[in-house]
């Protein structure tokens, strides 16, 4: 996988790189612009990341002795020279895992040197020149590793250098050359094209995965921000009611209560002024949240008292659902003892859970239960497995609906537990705090968390 080198302002195919011409080509041919990582270091599979190391060890251990044997027995090269040429032509394969370009330079120079050495020896029947059989096969392995790492410009230069070296040697001894140079040049083109195509396809897949990951993260972030904005708007409606009541009570106190001192009247006036200022700040903040041109909801905010309507609408949508609303919860709602933030959050959690059941488990029986105990309101939504395998309207989910549930639960200081059930169903359980008995309910603000 190719990476950009630090300080290289132009990439392959850019106008700047094209203007540099031979200078840029030579720089890239001599200096590989990658970190010292293995060929498949970015692969998610561990065995693929480790694969280059045993491969290069196997290639080196095979080609070094084979090259020595072929040079000594078939070409009559003295043992010392044969060993030196074999080391130069095959030992650099150990570098293919990390530095294939550097390995190519050494192998290329050693192959040319080997051809010149053979040129000084008597020609033997049944041998090819300028490249020996081990040189041809080993060189193709080097080019394959090079194609999996380098860009098209470098691969083109390597291919042209290979052809030029073969052409020069052919011109030096045309009577001895028997087409081996042309064969290697053609095979090099095939290997470089295949390896380059594999590298570019892998690079395209990697960029696609990265883009999908970024897009999913952006969608999750946008969903979170949208849900927070919606919560802020709903919280404004909840808090504004109480602030308005405070303002009215403070303004009317001097007229409702007789015999107030001037200090008491001034205190009530200060309270009313602070409440009005707070309302103005909240409305200013809300106008910023709504600056995208969207219109806020004008209807009263829903709560636990509208759960029955919500469940009935879900049943009409084709999902068999039933509601169990504890008597103490129903009475608390009628008395107004449930904080409006908790009331609204519980409704929204049930709404989202039922919507998920309709999308992902159509036809599954769903139970909604709302109870109150130990100073907490417990909201439980459980759906069974879908009636038909493969019937969900949405086979995959982003989990963005759960993001909104968690935000609402965190706002009220409660807890949320979600997850699949052993029988194939799904469970959503929220536990929201209630004020102590006898204490006036008030909406929670982010500062209370």
Protein backbone atom coordinates (compact mmCIF):
# COMPACT_ATOMS: atom_id res chain seq x y z
CA UNK A 1 0.00 0.00 0.00
CA UNK A 2 1.52 3.27 -1.07
CA UNK A 3 1.69 6.30 1.14
CA UNK A 4 2.81 9.83 0.45
CA UNK A 5 6.28 10.81 1.49
CA UNK A 6 6.71 13.77 3.82
CA UNK A 7 7.62 16.86 1.90
CA UNK A 8 6.36 15.57 -1.46
CA UNK A 9 3.76 18.15 -2.51
CA UNK A 10 2.73 16.40 -5.74
CA UNK A 11 1.22 12.98 -6.12
CA UNK A 12 1.22 10.59 -9.03
CA UNK A 13 -0.58 11.99 -12.03
CA UNK A 14 -0.65 15.57 -10.74
CA UNK A 15 0.39 18.43 -13.07
CA UNK A 16 3.35 19.25 -10.83
CA UNK A 17 4.71 15.73 -11.07
CA UNK A 18 4.31 15.78 -14.83
CA UNK A 19 6.25 19.05 -15.14
CA UNK A 20 9.16 17.61 -13.15
CA UNK A 21 9.58 14.89 -15.76
CA UNK A 22 12.79 12.83 -15.58
CA UNK A 23 13.95 14.46 -12.34
CA UNK A 24 10.87 13.35 -10.43
CA UNK A 25 11.05 9.91 -12.03
CA UNK A 26 14.68 9.44 -11.01
CA UNK A 27 13.99 10.60 -7.47
CA UNK A 28 11.15 8.12 -7.05
CA UNK A 29 13.17 5.34 -8.67
CA UNK A 30 15.99 5.76 -6.16
CA UNK A 31 14.02 6.73 -3.06
CA UNK A 32 10.90 4.77 -2.10
CA UNK A 33 8.35 7.13 -0.48
CA UNK A 34 6.99 4.63 2.07
CA UNK A 35 7.59 3.81 5.70
CA UNK A 36 9.40 0.56 6.45
CA UNK A 37 6.29 -1.57 6.66
CA UNK A 38 5.56 -4.95 5.14
CA UNK A 39 3.62 -5.34 1.91
CA UNK A 40 0.34 -6.24 3.63
CA UNK A 41 0.80 -4.31 6.87
CA UNK A 42 -2.62 -2.66 6.47
CA UNK A 43 -4.54 -5.91 6.07
CA UNK A 44 -7.08 -6.76 8.81
CA UNK A 45 -6.06 -10.44 8.60
CA UNK A 46 -3.10 -11.36 10.75
CA UNK A 47 -2.00 -14.26 8.56
CA UNK A 48 -1.86 -11.97 5.53
CA UNK A 49 0.26 -9.43 7.42
CA UNK A 50 2.74 -12.17 8.34
CA UNK A 51 2.71 -13.88 4.93
CA UNK A 52 5.54 -11.85 3.27
CA UNK A 53 8.13 -13.00 5.83
CA UNK A 54 7.97 -16.79 5.28
CA UNK A 55 7.61 -16.20 1.54
CA UNK A 56 10.82 -14.16 1.22
CA UNK A 57 12.68 -16.63 3.42
CA UNK A 58 11.52 -19.52 1.25
CA UNK A 59 12.45 -17.71 -1.98
CA UNK A 60 15.91 -16.85 -0.73
CA UNK A 61 16.62 -20.30 0.63
CA UNK A 62 15.61 -21.83 -2.73
CA UNK A 63 17.13 -19.42 -5.24
CA UNK A 64 20.57 -19.00 -3.67
CA UNK A 65 21.61 -22.68 -3.93
CA UNK A 66 19.78 -23.19 -7.23
CA UNK A 67 21.55 -20.19 -8.77
CA UNK A 68 24.95 -21.44 -7.58
CA UNK A 69 24.29 -24.89 -9.00
CA UNK A 70 23.08 -23.61 -12.38
CA UNK A 71 25.97 -21.17 -12.80
CA UNK A 72 28.60 -23.70 -11.77
CA UNK A 73 27.26 -26.81 -13.52
CA UNK A 74 25.46 -25.48 -16.61
CA UNK A 75 27.52 -22.37 -17.38
CA UNK A 76 30.91 -23.36 -15.98
CA UNK A 77 31.28 -20.35 -13.69
CA UNK A 78 34.01 -20.82 -11.03
CA UNK A 79 32.64 -21.64 -7.57
CA UNK A 80 33.62 -18.36 -5.87
CA UNK A 81 32.23 -16.17 -8.63
CA UNK A 82 29.08 -18.30 -8.83
CA UNK A 83 28.52 -17.89 -5.08
CA UNK A 84 29.01 -14.11 -5.26
CA UNK A 85 26.61 -13.79 -8.21
CA UNK A 86 24.04 -16.00 -6.46
CA UNK A 87 24.16 -13.83 -3.35
CA UNK A 88 23.72 -10.67 -5.42
CA UNK A 89 20.92 -12.11 -7.56
CA UNK A 90 18.91 -13.99 -4.89
CA UNK A 91 19.81 -12.79 -1.36
CA UNK A 92 18.17 -9.34 -1.83
CA UNK A 93 14.84 -11.16 -1.95
CA UNK A 94 14.94 -10.91 1.84
CA UNK A 95 14.22 -7.19 1.34
CA UNK A 96 11.06 -7.73 -0.69
CA UNK A 97 8.78 -7.59 2.35
CA UNK A 98 9.84 -4.03 3.23
CA UNK A 99 12.01 -2.52 0.47
CA UNK A 100 11.25 -4.12 -2.91
CA UNK A 101 12.59 -1.12 -4.83
CA UNK A 102 15.98 -1.33 -3.13
CA UNK A 103 15.99 -5.10 -3.68
CA UNK A 104 15.28 -4.55 -7.38
CA UNK A 105 18.27 -2.24 -7.77
CA UNK A 106 20.62 -4.83 -6.29
CA UNK A 107 19.14 -7.74 -8.24
CA UNK A 108 19.10 -5.75 -11.47
CA UNK A 109 22.77 -4.78 -11.12
CA UNK A 110 23.74 -8.35 -10.16
CA UNK A 111 21.83 -9.79 -13.14
CA UNK A 112 23.62 -7.44 -15.55
CA UNK A 113 26.94 -8.30 -13.92
CA UNK A 114 26.15 -12.00 -14.24
CA UNK A 115 25.40 -11.58 -17.96
CA UNK A 116 28.76 -9.87 -18.48
CA UNK A 117 30.55 -12.65 -16.58
CA UNK A 118 28.87 -15.30 -18.74
CA UNK A 119 29.84 -13.32 -21.84
CA UNK A 120 33.50 -13.88 -20.96
CA UNK A 121 33.05 -17.66 -20.72
CA UNK A 122 32.72 -20.13 -23.57
CA UNK A 123 29.14 -20.64 -24.72
CA UNK A 124 27.68 -24.01 -23.76
CA UNK A 125 25.02 -25.85 -25.66
CA UNK A 126 21.52 -25.77 -24.15
CA UNK A 127 22.02 -22.53 -22.19
CA UNK A 128 20.32 -19.17 -22.64
CA UNK A 129 21.84 -15.68 -22.45
CA UNK A 130 21.87 -12.94 -21.18
CA UNK A 131 19.54 -14.12 -18.41
CA UNK A 132 19.83 -17.54 -16.82
CA UNK A 133 16.67 -19.49 -15.87
CA UNK A 134 17.00 -18.70 -12.12
CA UNK A 135 17.47 -15.04 -13.01
CA UNK A 136 14.28 -14.97 -15.11
CA UNK A 137 12.11 -16.63 -12.45
CA UNK A 138 13.62 -14.75 -9.49
CA UNK A 139 13.39 -11.42 -11.31
CA UNK A 140 9.66 -11.95 -11.85
CA UNK A 141 9.14 -12.48 -8.11
CA UNK A 142 11.01 -9.23 -7.45
CA UNK A 143 8.82 -7.38 -9.95
CA UNK A 144 5.66 -8.82 -8.41
CA UNK A 145 6.61 -7.49 -4.97
CA UNK A 146 7.53 -4.18 -6.58
CA UNK A 147 4.17 -3.93 -8.36
CA UNK A 148 2.32 -4.50 -5.07
CA UNK A 149 4.08 -1.51 -3.52
CA UNK A 150 5.06 1.13 -6.11
CA UNK A 151 3.05 3.44 -8.38
CA UNK A 152 2.71 3.32 -12.14
CA UNK A 153 5.51 5.80 -12.80
CA UNK A 154 8.07 3.68 -10.96
CA UNK A 155 6.82 0.44 -12.51
CA UNK A 156 7.07 1.96 -15.99
CA UNK A 157 10.64 3.02 -15.30
CA UNK A 158 11.59 -0.44 -14.02
CA UNK A 159 10.08 -2.07 -17.10
CA UNK A 160 11.90 0.31 -19.46
CA UNK A 161 15.19 -0.23 -17.60
CA UNK A 162 14.75 -3.99 -17.93
CA UNK A 163 14.13 -3.71 -21.67
CA UNK A 164 17.01 -1.28 -22.16
CA UNK A 165 19.48 -3.57 -20.35
CA UNK A 166 18.38 -6.54 -22.45
CA UNK A 167 18.64 -4.50 -25.66
CA UNK A 168 22.15 -3.26 -24.86
CA UNK A 169 23.37 -6.79 -24.05
CA UNK A 170 21.79 -8.07 -27.25
CA UNK A 171 23.62 -5.41 -29.27
CA UNK A 172 26.91 -6.27 -27.53
CA UNK A 173 26.68 -9.95 -28.48
CA UNK A 174 23.89 -10.45 -31.00
CA UNK A 175 25.17 -13.86 -31.98
CA UNK A 176 24.90 -15.20 -28.46
CA UNK A 177 21.52 -13.68 -27.56
CA UNK A 178 18.70 -16.08 -28.34
CA UNK A 179 15.61 -14.11 -27.38
CA UNK A 180 15.96 -14.43 -23.60
CA UNK A 181 16.07 -10.64 -23.19
CA UNK A 182 12.81 -10.20 -25.11
CA UNK A 183 11.16 -13.01 -23.16
CA UNK A 184 12.01 -11.42 -19.82
CA UNK A 185 10.80 -8.02 -21.06
CA UNK A 186 7.42 -9.44 -22.11
CA UNK A 187 6.99 -11.46 -18.91
CA UNK A 188 7.94 -8.39 -16.87
CA UNK A 189 5.17 -6.41 -18.50
CA UNK A 190 2.62 -9.11 -17.67
CA UNK A 191 3.70 -9.39 -14.02
CA UNK A 192 3.84 -5.62 -13.51
CA UNK A 193 0.36 -5.13 -15.01
CA UNK A 194 -1.17 -7.88 -12.88
CA UNK A 195 0.56 -6.76 -9.67
CA UNK A 196 -0.27 -3.10 -10.30
CA UNK A 197 -3.93 -3.93 -10.93
CA UNK A 198 -4.10 -5.90 -7.67
CA UNK A 199 -2.48 -3.03 -5.77
CA UNK A 200 -4.79 -0.39 -7.23
CA UNK A 201 -7.87 -2.52 -6.56
CA UNK A 202 -6.78 -3.06 -2.96
CA UNK A 203 -6.12 0.66 -2.59
CA UNK A 204 -9.55 1.51 -4.00
CA UNK A 205 -11.24 -0.91 -1.60
CA UNK A 206 -9.32 0.57 1.34
CA UNK A 207 -10.35 4.10 0.41
CA UNK A 208 -13.95 2.95 0.00
CA UNK A 209 -13.95 1.36 3.46
CA UNK A 210 -12.42 4.51 4.95
CA UNK A 211 -15.04 6.67 3.24
CA UNK A 212 -17.86 4.43 4.47
CA UNK A 213 -16.46 4.57 8.00
CA UNK A 214 -16.24 8.36 7.84
CA UNK A 215 -19.75 8.62 6.40
CA UNK A 216 -21.18 6.36 9.11
CA UNK A 217 -19.42 8.38 11.82
CA UNK A 218 -20.77 11.60 10.31
CA UNK A 219 -24.30 10.17 10.19
CA UNK A 220 -24.06 9.09 13.83
CA UNK A 221 -22.72 12.52 14.81
CA UNK A 222 -25.46 14.31 12.85
CA UNK A 223 -28.13 12.12 14.43
CA UNK A 224 -26.74 12.87 17.88
CA UNK A 225 -26.71 16.62 17.22
CA UNK A 226 -30.23 16.55 15.79
CA UNK A 227 -31.52 14.64 18.81
CA UNK A 228 -29.79 17.03 21.20
CA UNK A 229 -31.32 19.97 19.36
CA UNK A 230 -34.75 18.39 19.58
CA UNK A 231 -34.28 17.72 23.29
CA UNK A 232 -33.18 21.33 23.81
CA UNK A 233 -36.35 22.57 22.10
CA UNK A 234 -38.55 20.27 24.15
CA UNK A 235 -36.70 21.23 27.32
CA UNK A 236 -37.35 24.88 26.52
CA UNK A 237 -41.08 24.21 26.32
CA UNK A 238 -40.97 22.35 29.64
CA UNK A 239 -38.90 24.92 31.53
CA UNK A 240 -40.59 27.94 29.95
CA UNK A 241 -43.91 26.93 31.47
CA UNK A 242 -42.50 26.93 35.00
CA UNK A 243 -40.55 30.14 34.44
CA UNK A 244 -43.70 31.83 33.19
CA UNK A 245 -45.57 30.69 36.29
CA UNK A 246 -42.79 32.11 38.48
CA UNK A 247 -42.94 35.40 36.63
CA UNK A 248 -46.71 35.69 36.98
CA UNK A 249 -46.63 34.75 40.68
CA UNK A 250 -43.84 37.21 41.43
CA UNK A 251 -45.57 40.04 39.55
CA UNK A 252 -48.94 39.42 41.18
CA UNK A 253 -47.68 38.78 44.73
CA UNK A 254 -47.87 42.47 45.85
CA UNK A 255 -51.52 42.56 44.79
CA UNK A 256 -52.47 39.16 46.24
CA UNK A 257 -50.67 39.56 49.56
CA UNK A 258 -51.46 42.61 51.65
CA UNK A 259 -49.13 44.43 54.03
CA UNK A 260 -45.90 43.69 52.17
CA UNK A 261 -42.94 45.87 53.00
CA UNK A 262 -41.05 47.80 50.36
CA UNK A 263 -38.16 45.33 50.64
CA UNK A 264 -40.50 42.37 49.95
CA UNK A 265 -42.05 44.17 46.98
CA UNK A 266 -38.58 44.90 45.61
CA UNK A 267 -37.58 41.24 46.11
CA UNK A 268 -40.65 40.00 44.20
CA UNK A 269 -39.93 42.51 41.46
CA UNK A 270 -36.33 41.26 41.25
CA UNK A 271 -37.52 37.66 41.03
CA UNK A 272 -39.94 38.53 38.22
CA UNK A 273 -37.21 40.42 36.36
CA UNK A 274 -34.74 37.54 36.65
CA UNK A 275 -37.38 35.08 35.43
CA UNK A 276 -38.20 37.27 32.41
CA UNK A 277 -34.49 37.65 31.61
CA UNK A 278 -34.04 33.87 31.80
CA UNK A 279 -36.97 33.36 29.45
CA UNK A 280 -35.48 35.84 27.00
CA UNK A 281 -32.13 34.02 27.08
CA UNK A 282 -33.84 30.70 26.49
CA UNK A 283 -35.82 32.05 23.55
CA UNK A 284 -32.61 33.56 22.09
CA UNK A 285 -30.88 30.17 22.39
CA UNK A 286 -33.86 28.43 20.83
CA UNK A 287 -33.78 30.85 17.89
CA UNK A 288 -30.16 29.83 17.28
CA UNK A 289 -31.12 26.15 17.34
CA UNK A 290 -33.88 26.86 14.85
CA UNK A 291 -31.69 29.03 12.61
CA UNK A 292 -31.67 26.25 9.97
CA UNK A 293 -35.14 27.38 8.93
CA UNK A 294 -36.94 24.43 10.46
CA UNK A 295 -40.22 25.04 12.19
CA UNK A 296 -40.62 23.90 15.77
CA UNK A 297 -43.50 21.81 16.96
CA UNK A 298 -46.47 23.97 17.96
CA UNK A 299 -48.54 21.18 19.52
CA UNK A 300 -48.27 20.47 23.26
CA UNK A 301 -45.51 18.05 24.17
CA UNK A 302 -46.69 14.43 24.56
CA UNK A 303 -46.27 12.40 27.72
CA UNK A 304 -47.29 9.21 29.47
CA UNK A 305 -50.94 10.22 29.20
CA UNK A 306 -50.75 9.69 25.43
CA UNK A 307 -49.11 6.26 25.49
CA UNK A 308 -52.45 4.55 24.86
CA UNK A 309 -52.92 6.54 21.64
CA UNK A 310 -49.36 5.71 20.60
CA UNK A 311 -49.86 1.98 21.14
CA UNK A 312 -53.19 2.04 19.28
CA UNK A 313 -51.52 3.75 16.31
CA UNK A 314 -48.81 1.07 16.36
CA UNK A 315 -51.45 -1.68 16.31
CA UNK A 316 -53.07 -0.04 13.28
CA UNK A 317 -49.64 -0.13 11.61
CA UNK A 318 -49.70 -3.93 11.86
CA UNK A 319 -47.71 -4.56 15.05
CA UNK A 320 -49.65 -6.40 17.79
CA UNK A 321 -48.79 -4.34 20.85
CA UNK A 322 -50.25 -4.08 24.34
CA UNK A 323 -49.77 -1.49 27.07
CA UNK A 324 -49.54 -2.02 30.80
CA UNK A 325 -49.63 1.29 32.68
CA UNK A 326 -49.45 0.91 36.45
CA UNK A 327 -52.24 2.56 38.43
CA UNK A 328 -49.81 4.58 40.54
CA UNK A 329 -48.20 5.92 37.38
CA UNK A 330 -51.55 6.87 35.90
CA UNK A 331 -52.53 8.67 39.13
CA UNK A 332 -49.15 10.44 39.31
CA UNK A 333 -49.59 11.68 35.75
CA UNK A 334 -53.09 12.98 36.48
CA UNK A 335 -51.83 14.78 39.61
CA UNK A 336 -48.85 16.23 37.73
CA UNK A 337 -46.32 14.55 40.04
CA UNK A 338 -44.18 13.26 37.17
CA UNK A 339 -41.54 15.81 36.08
CA UNK A 340 -42.24 17.00 32.57
CA UNK A 341 -38.72 16.07 31.41
CA UNK A 342 -39.23 12.50 32.65
CA UNK A 343 -42.76 12.40 31.25
CA UNK A 344 -41.61 13.49 27.80
CA UNK A 345 -38.50 11.27 27.80
CA UNK A 346 -40.52 8.18 28.72
CA UNK A 347 -42.94 8.84 25.87
CA UNK A 348 -40.13 9.37 23.34
CA UNK A 349 -38.34 6.18 24.43
CA UNK A 350 -41.51 4.10 23.96
CA UNK A 351 -42.13 5.83 20.63
CA UNK A 352 -38.65 5.00 19.32
CA UNK A 353 -38.76 1.42 20.64
CA UNK A 354 -42.10 0.77 18.91
CA UNK A 355 -40.81 2.32 15.69
CA UNK A 356 -37.78 0.01 15.80
CA UNK A 357 -40.04 -2.98 16.35
CA UNK A 358 -42.15 -2.04 13.32
CA UNK A 359 -39.04 -1.68 11.15
CA UNK A 360 -36.99 -4.66 12.32
CA UNK A 361 -39.58 -7.13 13.66
CA UNK A 362 -42.85 -6.63 11.77
CA UNK A 363 -45.68 -8.73 13.14
CA UNK A 364 -43.84 -9.54 16.39
CA UNK A 365 -45.91 -9.27 19.56
CA UNK A 366 -44.71 -6.29 21.62
CA UNK A 367 -45.39 -5.45 25.27
CA UNK A 368 -45.03 -1.98 26.77
CA UNK A 369 -44.91 -1.71 30.56
CA UNK A 370 -44.57 1.43 32.70
CA UNK A 371 -44.25 1.06 36.48
CA UNK A 372 -43.03 3.15 39.39
CA UNK A 373 -41.13 1.90 42.43
CA UNK A 374 -38.28 2.96 44.72
CA UNK A 375 -38.41 6.53 43.45
CA UNK A 376 -37.92 5.54 39.80
CA UNK A 377 -40.08 5.21 36.73
CA UNK A 378 -39.36 2.00 34.80
CA UNK A 379 -40.20 1.85 31.10
CA UNK A 380 -39.96 -1.59 29.51
CA UNK A 381 -40.57 -2.40 25.83
CA UNK A 382 -40.08 -6.03 24.78
CA UNK A 383 -40.82 -7.49 21.35
CA UNK A 384 -40.72 -11.13 20.37
CA UNK A 385 -38.91 -12.52 17.33
CA UNK A 386 -40.36 -11.67 13.88
CA UNK A 387 -43.05 -14.04 12.67
CA UNK A 388 -41.20 -14.76 9.42
CA UNK A 389 -37.47 -15.16 8.89
CA UNK A 390 -36.13 -12.48 6.60
CA UNK A 391 -39.28 -10.38 6.90
CA UNK A 392 -37.85 -7.22 8.53
CA UNK A 393 -38.51 -4.04 6.60
CA UNK A 394 -34.91 -3.05 7.36
CA UNK A 395 -32.35 -5.84 7.50
CA UNK A 396 -29.62 -3.60 8.91
CA UNK A 397 -29.77 -0.85 11.46
CA UNK A 398 -27.47 2.05 12.25
CA UNK A 399 -28.36 2.18 15.93
CA UNK A 400 -29.03 5.92 15.66
CA UNK A 401 -32.39 5.53 17.38
CA UNK A 402 -30.64 4.18 20.46
CA UNK A 403 -28.47 7.30 20.44
CA UNK A 404 -31.52 9.45 21.08
CA UNK A 405 -32.73 7.12 23.86
CA UNK A 406 -29.38 7.33 25.64
CA UNK A 407 -29.34 11.13 25.34
CA UNK A 408 -32.79 11.41 26.90
CA UNK A 409 -31.97 9.00 29.71
CA UNK A 410 -28.72 10.84 30.42
CA UNK A 411 -30.62 14.13 30.50
CA UNK A 412 -32.87 12.90 33.31
CA UNK A 413 -30.08 11.12 35.21
CA UNK A 414 -31.47 7.64 34.57
CA UNK A 415 -30.13 4.41 33.06
CA UNK A 416 -30.85 2.53 29.83
CA UNK A 417 -30.46 -1.17 29.08
CA UNK A 418 -30.96 -2.48 25.53
CA UNK A 419 -30.11 -5.70 23.77
CA UNK A 420 -31.35 -8.83 21.99
CA UNK A 421 -33.10 -11.67 23.82
CA UNK A 422 -32.26 -15.39 23.55
CA UNK A 423 -35.50 -16.13 21.70
CA UNK A 424 -34.70 -13.61 18.95
CA UNK A 425 -36.61 -10.66 20.39
CA UNK A 426 -35.34 -7.32 21.65
CA UNK A 427 -35.59 -5.49 24.97
CA UNK A 428 -35.46 -1.80 25.86
CA UNK A 429 -35.50 -0.93 29.57
CA UNK A 430 -35.20 2.63 30.87
CA UNK A 431 -35.09 3.66 34.53
CA UNK A 432 -35.84 7.33 35.13
CA UNK A 433 -35.72 9.07 38.54
CA UNK A 434 -38.84 10.53 40.17
CA UNK A 435 -38.88 13.28 42.82
CA UNK A 436 -39.49 12.24 46.45
CA UNK A 437 -43.09 12.13 47.58
CA UNK A 438 -44.38 15.55 48.54
CA UNK A 439 -41.67 17.42 46.66
CA UNK A 440 -42.86 19.61 43.76
CA UNK A 441 -41.77 18.26 40.42
CA UNK A 442 -39.53 20.40 38.29
CA UNK A 443 -37.87 19.75 34.96
CA UNK A 444 -34.22 18.78 35.00
CA UNK A 445 -31.71 20.92 33.19
CA UNK A 446 -28.25 19.95 31.95
CA UNK A 447 -26.73 21.75 34.94
CA UNK A 448 -28.52 19.28 37.25
CA UNK A 449 -26.63 16.32 35.81
